N, C-alpha and C. Protein backbone atom coordinates (compact mmCIF):
# COMPACT_ATOMS: atom_id res chain seq x y z
N MET A 1 0.84 -1.20 0.00
CA MET A 1 0.00 0.00 0.00
C MET A 1 0.88 1.24 0.00
N VAL A 2 0.46 2.23 -0.76
CA VAL A 2 1.13 3.53 -0.74
C VAL A 2 0.15 4.56 -0.20
N GLU A 3 0.70 5.61 0.37
CA GLU A 3 -0.14 6.64 0.97
C GLU A 3 -0.68 7.58 -0.11
N LEU A 4 -1.93 8.00 0.04
CA LEU A 4 -2.52 8.98 -0.85
C LEU A 4 -1.88 10.33 -0.56
N LYS A 5 -1.35 10.97 -1.60
CA LYS A 5 -0.75 12.30 -1.43
C LYS A 5 -1.78 13.36 -1.83
N ILE A 6 -1.92 14.38 -0.99
CA ILE A 6 -2.78 15.51 -1.31
C ILE A 6 -1.90 16.75 -1.24
N ILE A 7 -1.77 17.44 -2.38
CA ILE A 7 -0.87 18.59 -2.45
C ILE A 7 -1.57 19.78 -3.10
N LYS A 8 -1.00 20.96 -2.92
CA LYS A 8 -1.48 22.14 -3.63
C LYS A 8 -0.88 22.09 -5.03
N GLY A 9 -1.67 22.39 -6.04
CA GLY A 9 -1.14 22.39 -7.39
C GLY A 9 -2.21 22.19 -8.43
N ASP A 10 -1.76 21.98 -9.65
CA ASP A 10 -2.62 21.85 -10.81
C ASP A 10 -2.55 20.41 -11.31
N ALA A 11 -3.66 19.71 -11.27
CA ALA A 11 -3.67 18.30 -11.69
C ALA A 11 -3.37 18.13 -13.17
N THR A 12 -3.46 19.21 -13.97
CA THR A 12 -3.09 19.08 -15.38
C THR A 12 -1.59 19.20 -15.58
N SER A 13 -0.85 19.46 -14.51
CA SER A 13 0.62 19.47 -14.53
C SER A 13 1.13 18.52 -13.46
N PRO A 14 0.98 17.22 -13.68
CA PRO A 14 1.33 16.24 -12.64
C PRO A 14 2.78 16.31 -12.22
N GLN A 15 3.00 16.25 -10.91
CA GLN A 15 4.34 16.33 -10.33
C GLN A 15 4.89 14.92 -10.12
N ALA A 16 5.33 14.31 -11.21
CA ALA A 16 5.88 12.95 -11.13
C ALA A 16 6.67 12.65 -12.38
N LYS A 17 7.57 11.70 -12.26
CA LYS A 17 8.32 11.22 -13.42
C LYS A 17 7.63 9.96 -13.94
N GLY A 18 7.90 9.63 -15.19
CA GLY A 18 7.34 8.41 -15.76
C GLY A 18 5.92 8.58 -16.26
N PRO A 19 5.29 7.48 -16.64
CA PRO A 19 3.92 7.54 -17.17
C PRO A 19 2.94 8.04 -16.11
N LYS A 20 1.96 8.84 -16.56
CA LYS A 20 0.99 9.46 -15.66
C LYS A 20 -0.41 9.39 -16.26
N ILE A 21 -1.39 9.14 -15.41
CA ILE A 21 -2.79 9.21 -15.80
C ILE A 21 -3.44 10.33 -15.00
N ILE A 22 -4.11 11.24 -15.69
CA ILE A 22 -4.88 12.31 -15.04
C ILE A 22 -6.34 11.87 -15.10
N ALA A 23 -6.93 11.62 -13.93
CA ALA A 23 -8.31 11.12 -13.87
C ALA A 23 -9.26 12.23 -13.45
N HIS A 24 -10.43 12.25 -14.07
CA HIS A 24 -11.45 13.23 -13.68
C HIS A 24 -12.82 12.66 -13.99
N VAL A 25 -13.85 13.26 -13.39
CA VAL A 25 -15.22 12.77 -13.54
C VAL A 25 -15.96 13.57 -14.61
N CYS A 26 -16.67 12.84 -15.46
CA CYS A 26 -17.52 13.43 -16.51
C CYS A 26 -18.97 13.04 -16.24
N ASN A 27 -19.89 13.74 -16.89
CA ASN A 27 -21.31 13.39 -16.75
C ASN A 27 -21.72 12.41 -17.85
N ASP A 28 -22.93 11.87 -17.71
CA ASP A 28 -23.40 10.86 -18.67
C ASP A 28 -24.30 11.43 -19.75
N ILE A 29 -24.33 12.77 -19.91
CA ILE A 29 -25.15 13.37 -20.96
C ILE A 29 -24.30 14.04 -22.04
N GLY A 30 -22.99 13.84 -21.97
CA GLY A 30 -22.11 14.36 -23.01
C GLY A 30 -21.71 15.81 -22.84
N GLY A 31 -22.05 16.42 -21.71
CA GLY A 31 -21.69 17.81 -21.46
C GLY A 31 -20.23 17.95 -21.07
N TRP A 32 -19.58 18.96 -21.64
CA TRP A 32 -18.17 19.23 -21.34
C TRP A 32 -18.02 20.73 -21.46
N GLY A 33 -17.65 21.42 -20.39
CA GLY A 33 -17.52 22.87 -20.52
C GLY A 33 -17.47 23.62 -19.21
N LYS A 34 -17.61 22.91 -18.09
CA LYS A 34 -17.51 23.55 -16.78
C LYS A 34 -16.64 22.70 -15.88
N GLY A 35 -16.05 23.35 -14.89
CA GLY A 35 -15.24 22.62 -13.91
C GLY A 35 -13.86 22.28 -14.44
N PHE A 36 -13.32 21.15 -13.97
CA PHE A 36 -11.95 20.74 -14.27
C PHE A 36 -11.71 20.55 -15.76
N VAL A 37 -12.75 20.16 -16.51
CA VAL A 37 -12.56 19.91 -17.94
C VAL A 37 -12.11 21.15 -18.70
N VAL A 38 -12.43 22.33 -18.17
CA VAL A 38 -11.98 23.56 -18.82
C VAL A 38 -10.45 23.61 -18.81
N ALA A 39 -9.84 23.27 -17.68
CA ALA A 39 -8.38 23.24 -17.58
C ALA A 39 -7.79 22.16 -18.47
N VAL A 40 -8.45 21.00 -18.54
CA VAL A 40 -7.98 19.92 -19.41
C VAL A 40 -7.98 20.39 -20.86
N SER A 41 -9.10 20.99 -21.30
CA SER A 41 -9.21 21.43 -22.69
C SER A 41 -8.25 22.55 -23.03
N ARG A 42 -7.93 23.38 -22.05
CA ARG A 42 -6.95 24.45 -22.29
C ARG A 42 -5.59 23.86 -22.62
N ARG A 43 -5.29 22.73 -22.03
CA ARG A 43 -3.99 22.08 -22.24
C ARG A 43 -3.93 21.18 -23.45
N TRP A 44 -5.00 20.39 -23.61
CA TRP A 44 -5.02 19.39 -24.69
C TRP A 44 -6.42 19.31 -25.28
N PRO A 45 -6.56 19.37 -26.61
CA PRO A 45 -7.89 19.25 -27.22
C PRO A 45 -8.39 17.80 -27.30
N GLU A 46 -7.50 16.84 -27.25
CA GLU A 46 -7.88 15.44 -27.51
C GLU A 46 -8.91 14.86 -26.55
N PRO A 47 -8.80 15.07 -25.22
CA PRO A 47 -9.78 14.45 -24.32
C PRO A 47 -11.22 14.89 -24.59
N GLU A 48 -11.43 16.18 -24.84
CA GLU A 48 -12.79 16.66 -25.12
C GLU A 48 -13.30 16.07 -26.43
N ARG A 49 -12.46 16.10 -27.45
CA ARG A 49 -12.85 15.57 -28.76
C ARG A 49 -13.23 14.09 -28.64
N ALA A 50 -12.39 13.33 -27.94
CA ALA A 50 -12.64 11.90 -27.78
C ALA A 50 -13.91 11.65 -26.96
N PHE A 51 -14.11 12.45 -25.89
CA PHE A 51 -15.30 12.28 -25.05
C PHE A 51 -16.57 12.54 -25.85
N ARG A 52 -16.58 13.62 -26.62
CA ARG A 52 -17.78 13.96 -27.41
C ARG A 52 -18.07 12.87 -28.45
N GLN A 53 -17.03 12.36 -29.07
CA GLN A 53 -17.19 11.29 -30.05
C GLN A 53 -17.71 10.01 -29.37
N TRP A 54 -17.14 9.71 -28.21
CA TRP A 54 -17.56 8.54 -27.42
C TRP A 54 -19.05 8.65 -27.08
N HIS A 55 -19.48 9.85 -26.64
CA HIS A 55 -20.88 10.06 -26.29
C HIS A 55 -21.77 9.95 -27.52
N ARG A 56 -21.35 10.57 -28.63
CA ARG A 56 -22.16 10.50 -29.86
C ARG A 56 -22.38 9.05 -30.32
N GLY A 57 -21.37 8.23 -30.16
CA GLY A 57 -21.45 6.83 -30.60
C GLY A 57 -21.93 5.87 -29.53
N ARG A 58 -22.55 6.40 -28.46
CA ARG A 58 -22.88 5.58 -27.29
C ARG A 58 -23.79 4.39 -27.60
N ALA A 59 -24.58 4.47 -28.66
CA ALA A 59 -25.46 3.33 -28.99
C ALA A 59 -24.64 2.09 -29.33
N GLY A 60 -23.40 2.30 -29.78
CA GLY A 60 -22.58 1.16 -30.19
C GLY A 60 -21.30 0.99 -29.40
N ASN A 61 -21.21 1.62 -28.22
CA ASN A 61 -19.99 1.47 -27.41
C ASN A 61 -20.35 1.35 -25.93
N ASP A 62 -19.34 1.46 -25.07
CA ASP A 62 -19.55 1.25 -23.63
C ASP A 62 -19.84 2.52 -22.85
N PHE A 63 -20.10 3.66 -23.53
CA PHE A 63 -20.34 4.92 -22.82
C PHE A 63 -21.49 4.75 -21.84
N GLY A 64 -21.29 5.20 -20.61
CA GLY A 64 -22.33 5.16 -19.60
C GLY A 64 -21.70 5.24 -18.22
N LEU A 65 -22.53 5.32 -17.20
CA LEU A 65 -22.03 5.41 -15.83
C LEU A 65 -21.09 4.25 -15.54
N GLY A 66 -19.93 4.56 -14.98
CA GLY A 66 -18.94 3.55 -14.63
C GLY A 66 -17.92 3.27 -15.71
N ALA A 67 -18.10 3.84 -16.89
CA ALA A 67 -17.16 3.60 -17.99
C ALA A 67 -15.99 4.59 -17.93
N VAL A 68 -14.85 4.16 -18.46
CA VAL A 68 -13.65 5.00 -18.50
C VAL A 68 -13.11 5.00 -19.92
N GLN A 69 -12.75 6.19 -20.39
CA GLN A 69 -12.10 6.36 -21.68
C GLN A 69 -10.71 6.91 -21.42
N LEU A 70 -9.68 6.20 -21.86
CA LEU A 70 -8.30 6.63 -21.66
C LEU A 70 -7.82 7.29 -22.95
N VAL A 71 -7.36 8.54 -22.85
CA VAL A 71 -6.94 9.30 -24.03
C VAL A 71 -5.49 9.72 -23.84
N GLN A 72 -4.62 9.28 -24.74
CA GLN A 72 -3.21 9.66 -24.65
C GLN A 72 -3.03 11.07 -25.20
N VAL A 73 -2.36 11.94 -24.41
CA VAL A 73 -2.18 13.34 -24.82
C VAL A 73 -0.71 13.70 -25.05
N THR A 74 0.21 12.96 -24.47
CA THR A 74 1.64 13.10 -24.74
C THR A 74 2.21 11.68 -24.65
N PRO A 75 3.48 11.49 -25.01
CA PRO A 75 4.02 10.13 -24.95
C PRO A 75 3.88 9.47 -23.57
N ASP A 76 3.86 10.26 -22.48
CA ASP A 76 3.77 9.65 -21.15
C ASP A 76 2.62 10.15 -20.29
N VAL A 77 1.62 10.80 -20.91
CA VAL A 77 0.46 11.29 -20.15
C VAL A 77 -0.84 10.86 -20.84
N TRP A 78 -1.75 10.29 -20.03
CA TRP A 78 -3.08 9.92 -20.50
C TRP A 78 -4.10 10.65 -19.63
N VAL A 79 -5.24 11.00 -20.21
CA VAL A 79 -6.36 11.55 -19.45
C VAL A 79 -7.44 10.47 -19.39
N ALA A 80 -7.92 10.19 -18.18
CA ALA A 80 -8.99 9.21 -17.99
C ALA A 80 -10.31 9.95 -17.81
N ASN A 81 -11.17 9.88 -18.83
CA ASN A 81 -12.51 10.44 -18.76
C ASN A 81 -13.38 9.40 -18.05
N MET A 82 -13.74 9.65 -16.79
CA MET A 82 -14.51 8.70 -15.99
C MET A 82 -15.97 9.16 -15.89
N VAL A 83 -16.90 8.36 -16.36
CA VAL A 83 -18.31 8.74 -16.30
C VAL A 83 -18.85 8.34 -14.92
N GLY A 84 -18.92 9.35 -14.04
CA GLY A 84 -19.33 9.11 -12.67
C GLY A 84 -20.37 10.09 -12.17
N GLN A 85 -21.06 10.73 -13.10
CA GLN A 85 -22.04 11.75 -12.73
C GLN A 85 -23.26 11.59 -13.62
N ARG A 86 -24.44 11.50 -13.01
CA ARG A 86 -25.70 11.39 -13.76
C ARG A 86 -26.21 12.80 -14.06
N GLY A 87 -26.19 13.18 -15.33
CA GLY A 87 -26.68 14.49 -15.73
C GLY A 87 -25.87 15.61 -15.11
N ILE A 88 -26.53 16.75 -14.94
CA ILE A 88 -25.89 17.91 -14.31
C ILE A 88 -26.83 18.43 -13.23
N ARG A 89 -26.28 19.24 -12.34
CA ARG A 89 -27.07 19.74 -11.21
C ARG A 89 -28.14 20.71 -11.70
N THR A 90 -29.39 20.38 -11.43
CA THR A 90 -30.50 21.28 -11.73
C THR A 90 -31.53 21.12 -10.63
N GLY A 91 -32.13 22.21 -10.23
CA GLY A 91 -33.20 22.15 -9.24
C GLY A 91 -32.78 21.47 -7.96
N SER A 92 -33.69 20.70 -7.38
CA SER A 92 -33.42 20.10 -6.07
C SER A 92 -33.42 18.58 -6.14
N GLY A 93 -33.03 18.02 -7.25
CA GLY A 93 -33.03 16.57 -7.40
C GLY A 93 -31.87 15.89 -6.72
N GLY A 94 -31.10 16.61 -5.93
CA GLY A 94 -29.94 16.02 -5.27
C GLY A 94 -28.71 16.11 -6.16
N PRO A 95 -27.54 15.87 -5.59
CA PRO A 95 -26.30 15.98 -6.37
C PRO A 95 -26.22 14.89 -7.44
N PRO A 96 -25.62 15.22 -8.59
CA PRO A 96 -25.53 14.25 -9.68
C PRO A 96 -24.44 13.19 -9.52
N VAL A 97 -23.60 13.30 -8.49
CA VAL A 97 -22.54 12.31 -8.29
C VAL A 97 -23.15 10.91 -8.14
N ARG A 98 -22.45 9.91 -8.69
CA ARG A 98 -22.86 8.50 -8.52
C ARG A 98 -21.65 7.76 -7.98
N TYR A 99 -21.66 7.54 -6.66
CA TYR A 99 -20.50 6.95 -5.99
C TYR A 99 -20.15 5.56 -6.53
N ASP A 100 -21.18 4.74 -6.80
CA ASP A 100 -20.90 3.40 -7.32
C ASP A 100 -20.19 3.47 -8.66
N ALA A 101 -20.61 4.40 -9.52
CA ALA A 101 -19.97 4.55 -10.83
C ALA A 101 -18.53 5.03 -10.67
N ILE A 102 -18.30 5.95 -9.73
CA ILE A 102 -16.93 6.42 -9.50
C ILE A 102 -16.06 5.26 -9.01
N GLY A 103 -16.60 4.43 -8.13
CA GLY A 103 -15.85 3.27 -7.66
C GLY A 103 -15.47 2.33 -8.80
N THR A 104 -16.42 2.08 -9.70
CA THR A 104 -16.15 1.23 -10.86
C THR A 104 -15.08 1.87 -11.74
N CYS A 105 -15.20 3.17 -11.97
CA CYS A 105 -14.22 3.89 -12.78
C CYS A 105 -12.82 3.80 -12.16
N LEU A 106 -12.73 4.00 -10.86
CA LEU A 106 -11.42 3.96 -10.20
C LEU A 106 -10.78 2.58 -10.34
N GLY A 107 -11.59 1.54 -10.28
CA GLY A 107 -11.06 0.19 -10.50
C GLY A 107 -10.48 0.03 -11.89
N ALA A 108 -11.17 0.58 -12.89
CA ALA A 108 -10.68 0.51 -14.26
C ALA A 108 -9.40 1.32 -14.42
N VAL A 109 -9.36 2.51 -13.81
CA VAL A 109 -8.15 3.34 -13.88
C VAL A 109 -6.98 2.61 -13.23
N ALA A 110 -7.24 1.91 -12.13
CA ALA A 110 -6.17 1.13 -11.47
C ALA A 110 -5.61 0.09 -12.43
N GLY A 111 -6.48 -0.57 -13.18
CA GLY A 111 -6.03 -1.55 -14.15
C GLY A 111 -5.16 -0.92 -15.23
N HIS A 112 -5.59 0.23 -15.74
CA HIS A 112 -4.79 0.94 -16.75
C HIS A 112 -3.44 1.36 -16.17
N ALA A 113 -3.46 1.89 -14.94
CA ALA A 113 -2.22 2.36 -14.31
C ALA A 113 -1.25 1.20 -14.12
N ALA A 114 -1.75 0.05 -13.68
CA ALA A 114 -0.89 -1.11 -13.48
C ALA A 114 -0.28 -1.55 -14.81
N ARG A 115 -1.09 -1.59 -15.85
CA ARG A 115 -0.63 -2.01 -17.18
C ARG A 115 0.43 -1.07 -17.74
N LEU A 116 0.24 0.24 -17.50
CA LEU A 116 1.15 1.25 -18.04
C LEU A 116 2.32 1.56 -17.10
N GLY A 117 2.28 1.07 -15.87
CA GLY A 117 3.27 1.44 -14.87
C GLY A 117 3.17 2.92 -14.54
N ALA A 118 1.93 3.42 -14.50
CA ALA A 118 1.68 4.86 -14.35
C ALA A 118 1.27 5.24 -12.94
N SER A 119 1.60 6.48 -12.57
CA SER A 119 1.04 7.09 -11.37
C SER A 119 -0.28 7.75 -11.77
N VAL A 120 -1.14 8.03 -10.78
CA VAL A 120 -2.46 8.61 -11.05
C VAL A 120 -2.55 9.96 -10.36
N HIS A 121 -3.12 10.93 -11.07
CA HIS A 121 -3.22 12.31 -10.60
C HIS A 121 -4.64 12.80 -10.86
N MET A 122 -5.18 13.58 -9.92
CA MET A 122 -6.57 14.02 -10.07
C MET A 122 -6.86 15.20 -9.16
N PRO A 123 -7.90 15.98 -9.52
CA PRO A 123 -8.43 16.95 -8.55
C PRO A 123 -9.26 16.15 -7.53
N ARG A 124 -9.97 16.82 -6.65
CA ARG A 124 -10.87 16.11 -5.71
C ARG A 124 -12.10 15.67 -6.51
N ILE A 125 -11.94 14.55 -7.20
CA ILE A 125 -12.97 14.09 -8.13
C ILE A 125 -14.33 13.94 -7.47
N GLY A 126 -15.36 14.31 -8.23
CA GLY A 126 -16.73 14.13 -7.78
C GLY A 126 -17.20 15.12 -6.73
N CYS A 127 -16.34 16.06 -6.34
CA CYS A 127 -16.68 16.97 -5.23
C CYS A 127 -16.96 18.39 -5.69
N GLY A 128 -16.80 18.67 -6.97
CA GLY A 128 -17.09 20.01 -7.47
C GLY A 128 -18.53 20.06 -7.97
N LEU A 129 -18.67 20.18 -9.28
CA LEU A 129 -20.00 20.26 -9.89
C LEU A 129 -20.84 19.01 -9.63
N ALA A 130 -20.20 17.86 -9.43
CA ALA A 130 -20.95 16.62 -9.18
C ALA A 130 -21.59 16.60 -7.79
N GLY A 131 -21.08 17.44 -6.88
CA GLY A 131 -21.71 17.58 -5.56
C GLY A 131 -21.43 16.48 -4.56
N GLY A 132 -20.38 15.69 -4.79
CA GLY A 132 -20.07 14.59 -3.88
C GLY A 132 -19.35 15.04 -2.63
N LYS A 133 -19.25 14.14 -1.67
CA LYS A 133 -18.57 14.41 -0.41
C LYS A 133 -17.21 13.71 -0.40
N TRP A 134 -16.16 14.49 -0.12
CA TRP A 134 -14.80 13.96 -0.12
C TRP A 134 -14.66 12.80 0.88
N GLU A 135 -15.37 12.87 2.01
CA GLU A 135 -15.28 11.81 3.02
C GLU A 135 -15.72 10.46 2.45
N ARG A 136 -16.54 10.47 1.41
CA ARG A 136 -16.97 9.22 0.78
C ARG A 136 -16.03 8.83 -0.36
N ILE A 137 -15.48 9.81 -1.05
CA ILE A 137 -14.67 9.51 -2.24
C ILE A 137 -13.23 9.15 -1.87
N GLU A 138 -12.64 9.83 -0.90
CA GLU A 138 -11.25 9.55 -0.53
C GLU A 138 -11.02 8.06 -0.21
N PRO A 139 -11.87 7.42 0.62
CA PRO A 139 -11.63 5.99 0.89
C PRO A 139 -11.73 5.12 -0.36
N MET A 140 -12.55 5.53 -1.32
CA MET A 140 -12.67 4.77 -2.58
C MET A 140 -11.36 4.84 -3.36
N ILE A 141 -10.73 6.01 -3.36
CA ILE A 141 -9.44 6.19 -4.05
C ILE A 141 -8.38 5.33 -3.37
N VAL A 142 -8.36 5.36 -2.04
CA VAL A 142 -7.37 4.57 -1.28
C VAL A 142 -7.54 3.08 -1.60
N THR A 143 -8.78 2.59 -1.57
CA THR A 143 -9.04 1.17 -1.82
C THR A 143 -8.67 0.78 -3.25
N ALA A 144 -9.13 1.57 -4.23
CA ALA A 144 -8.93 1.20 -5.64
C ALA A 144 -7.49 1.36 -6.10
N LEU A 145 -6.81 2.38 -5.61
CA LEU A 145 -5.48 2.70 -6.14
C LEU A 145 -4.35 2.48 -5.14
N CYS A 146 -4.41 3.16 -4.01
CA CYS A 146 -3.30 3.12 -3.04
C CYS A 146 -3.07 1.72 -2.49
N GLU A 147 -4.15 1.00 -2.19
CA GLU A 147 -3.99 -0.36 -1.65
C GLU A 147 -3.43 -1.32 -2.68
N ARG A 148 -3.46 -0.93 -3.95
CA ARG A 148 -2.86 -1.75 -5.01
C ARG A 148 -1.44 -1.29 -5.32
N GLY A 149 -0.94 -0.36 -4.51
CA GLY A 149 0.44 0.10 -4.69
C GLY A 149 0.62 1.12 -5.80
N ILE A 150 -0.48 1.75 -6.24
CA ILE A 150 -0.40 2.74 -7.31
C ILE A 150 -0.24 4.12 -6.70
N SER A 151 0.86 4.77 -7.04
CA SER A 151 1.14 6.12 -6.54
C SER A 151 0.05 7.07 -7.03
N THR A 152 -0.63 7.73 -6.08
CA THR A 152 -1.79 8.56 -6.41
C THR A 152 -1.67 9.90 -5.71
N THR A 153 -1.88 10.96 -6.48
CA THR A 153 -1.81 12.32 -5.95
C THR A 153 -3.08 13.08 -6.27
N VAL A 154 -3.65 13.73 -5.25
CA VAL A 154 -4.81 14.60 -5.41
C VAL A 154 -4.31 16.03 -5.29
N TYR A 155 -4.77 16.88 -6.19
CA TYR A 155 -4.32 18.27 -6.25
C TYR A 155 -5.43 19.20 -5.81
N ASP A 156 -5.11 20.07 -4.85
CA ASP A 156 -6.00 21.16 -4.47
C ASP A 156 -5.50 22.39 -5.19
N PHE A 157 -6.35 23.01 -5.98
CA PHE A 157 -5.92 24.14 -6.79
C PHE A 157 -5.87 25.40 -5.96
């Protein structure tokens, strides 16, 4: 097991050597334009383009809650688009975060990280626009990644 690192910084500029995966939560309606994805798109156009294409083709692919799309943006950096949010926040229907989907996504990211020999980097996933509680998400990250020996860093901007 490795300890979860929480540092001040920008998750789109991971502080590590070697292969890196930047993980973040997306919604299941194909929306991209608020929150952490703005910083991702400022740096690399590929994750947004791939996400929109993935959503458009959802009738014939695995797009949906719990799915992960890994997009390579440099020779040693991948962005993991994790579908862990049902719709977007509107009215009083409760927060759109889906903890079970995030757990499934983190398991898939762990598999990718192990295969690539990559460290994992992320903002406080699911806690911004998705409305999740860090006290519920942090243990999921520890179980899925840190307990498998995957170096994981969370960035507070």
